[in-house]
Amino acid sequence: MSTTTGGGEFGNPLRKFKLVFLGEQSVGKTSLITRFMYDSFDNTYQATIGIDFLSKTMYLEDRTIRLQLWDTAGQERFRSLIPSYIRDSAAAVVVYDIASRSGSSFGTLLDRSVFVA
């Protein structure tokens, strides 16, 4: 008889991983997350205000994991919040537009944010 402990199967605890998506506005952070979560793509643009949070439970081999996906706003007015979003994250996914020349300014901001966090 197997029991589920903390969401995991076969006595394995549920492992949680916080992934923070960072990037300037309109680069596709929300689109990537939507594609991963729902296997769909929405062609309309709606800016993220502050932060959006989604969670997905996945089963890998004999383990159950929960991905906590943090979708950050790319607008300048929300950038001061980035260090607090990065804190305690397992990974930061940096999304950028390869055709945009302004991507380097976000790289500078990211460098400062990582050192603060």
Protein backbone atom coordinates (compact mmCIF):
# COMPACT_ATOMS: atom_id res chain seq x y z
CA MET A 1 0.00 0.00 0.00
CA SER A 2 1.50 3.34 -1.02
CA THR A 3 0.70 6.67 0.53
CA THR A 4 0.87 10.19 -0.77
CA THR A 5 2.93 12.53 1.38
CA GLY A 6 2.74 16.24 0.70
CA GLY A 7 1.48 15.73 -2.83
CA GLY A 8 4.16 13.28 -3.93
CA GLU A 9 3.55 9.69 -4.88
CA PHE A 10 5.12 6.67 -3.21
CA GLY A 11 6.21 8.65 -0.17
CA ASN A 12 8.28 11.18 -2.16
CA PRO A 13 7.64 14.74 -1.01
CA LEU A 14 6.29 17.28 -3.49
CA ARG A 15 9.19 19.42 -4.74
CA LYS A 16 8.42 23.04 -5.59
CA PHE A 17 10.41 25.19 -8.00
CA LYS A 18 9.88 28.92 -8.42
CA LEU A 19 10.60 30.15 -11.96
CA VAL A 20 10.56 33.90 -12.57
CA PHE A 21 10.07 35.20 -16.12
CA LEU A 22 11.86 38.50 -16.73
CA GLY A 23 12.03 40.81 -19.73
CA GLU A 24 10.91 44.09 -21.21
CA GLN A 25 7.25 44.62 -22.06
CA SER A 26 5.81 42.92 -25.15
CA VAL A 27 8.62 40.36 -25.57
CA GLY A 28 6.42 37.29 -25.00
CA LYS A 29 6.76 36.29 -21.33
CA THR A 30 3.03 35.72 -20.91
CA SER A 31 2.79 34.00 -24.30
CA LEU A 32 5.50 31.48 -23.35
CA ILE A 33 3.81 30.72 -20.04
CA THR A 34 0.37 30.39 -21.68
CA ARG A 35 1.78 28.02 -24.28
CA PHE A 36 3.41 25.88 -21.58
CA MET A 37 0.37 25.85 -19.28
CA TYR A 38 -2.49 25.49 -21.77
CA ASP A 39 -0.82 24.59 -25.10
CA SER A 40 -2.48 27.60 -26.71
CA PHE A 41 -1.49 30.98 -28.14
CA ASP A 42 -3.48 34.21 -27.87
CA ASN A 43 -2.68 36.76 -30.57
CA THR A 44 -4.04 39.71 -28.57
CA TYR A 45 -1.74 41.72 -26.33
CA GLN A 46 -2.71 42.55 -22.77
CA ALA A 47 0.01 43.93 -20.50
CA THR A 48 0.69 42.17 -17.21
CA ILE A 49 0.10 44.51 -14.28
CA GLY A 50 2.64 43.91 -11.50
CA ILE A 51 2.91 40.14 -11.51
CA ASP A 52 0.86 37.10 -12.42
CA PHE A 53 1.31 33.71 -10.77
CA LEU A 54 0.50 30.27 -12.16
CA SER A 55 1.25 26.80 -10.84
CA LYS A 56 1.60 23.51 -12.68
CA THR A 57 2.07 20.06 -11.17
CA MET A 58 4.11 17.68 -13.29
CA TYR A 59 5.06 14.05 -12.96
CA LEU A 60 8.64 13.18 -13.89
CA GLU A 61 9.64 9.55 -13.64
CA ASP A 62 8.90 8.67 -10.00
CA ARG A 63 8.62 12.25 -8.72
CA THR A 64 5.93 14.87 -8.51
CA ILE A 65 7.03 18.48 -8.88
CA ARG A 66 5.19 21.77 -8.80
CA LEU A 67 6.40 24.62 -10.95
CA GLN A 68 5.47 28.06 -9.66
CA LEU A 69 5.60 30.38 -12.68
CA TRP A 70 5.93 34.09 -11.90
CA ASP A 71 5.08 36.30 -14.88
CA THR A 72 6.53 39.77 -14.24
CA ALA A 73 5.44 43.03 -15.83
CA GLY A 74 7.96 44.52 -18.22
CA GLN A 75 6.97 48.16 -17.83
CA GLU A 76 9.52 50.56 -16.36
CA ARG A 77 7.27 51.46 -13.41
CA PHE A 78 7.39 47.88 -12.08
CA ARG A 79 11.15 47.30 -12.38
CA SER A 80 11.89 48.24 -8.78
CA LEU A 81 9.97 45.10 -7.75
CA ILE A 82 12.22 42.70 -9.70
CA PRO A 83 14.70 41.97 -6.86
CA SER A 84 11.89 40.83 -4.57
CA TYR A 85 10.50 38.54 -7.30
CA ILE A 86 13.89 36.95 -7.96
CA ARG A 87 14.50 36.18 -4.29
CA ASP A 88 14.12 32.47 -3.45
CA SER A 89 13.65 31.46 -7.10
CA ALA A 90 15.11 28.28 -8.55
CA ALA A 91 15.60 29.92 -11.96
CA ALA A 92 15.08 33.15 -13.85
CA VAL A 93 13.96 32.88 -17.46
CA VAL A 94 15.05 35.98 -19.36
CA VAL A 95 12.85 36.63 -22.39
CA TYR A 96 13.89 39.17 -25.00
CA ASP A 97 13.21 40.20 -28.57
CA ILE A 98 16.27 39.46 -30.70
CA ALA A 99 15.15 42.09 -33.22
CA SER A 100 15.01 44.86 -30.60
CA ARG A 101 17.95 47.16 -29.97
CA SER A 102 16.69 48.06 -26.49
CA GLY A 103 17.40 44.58 -25.08
CA SER A 104 20.78 45.70 -23.79
CA SER A 105 19.14 48.16 -21.38
CA PHE A 106 17.25 45.29 -19.77
CA GLY A 107 20.50 43.34 -19.49
CA THR A 108 21.99 46.17 -17.45
CA LEU A 109 18.91 46.22 -15.23
CA LEU A 110 19.10 42.45 -14.79
CA ASP A 111 22.74 42.67 -13.71
CA ARG A 112 21.80 45.19 -11.00
CA SER A 113 18.77 43.15 -9.88
CA VAL A 114 20.71 39.91 -9.46
CA PHE A 115 23.28 41.60 -7.24
CA VAL A 116 20.52 43.17 -5.11
CA ALA A 117 18.60 39.90 -4.71
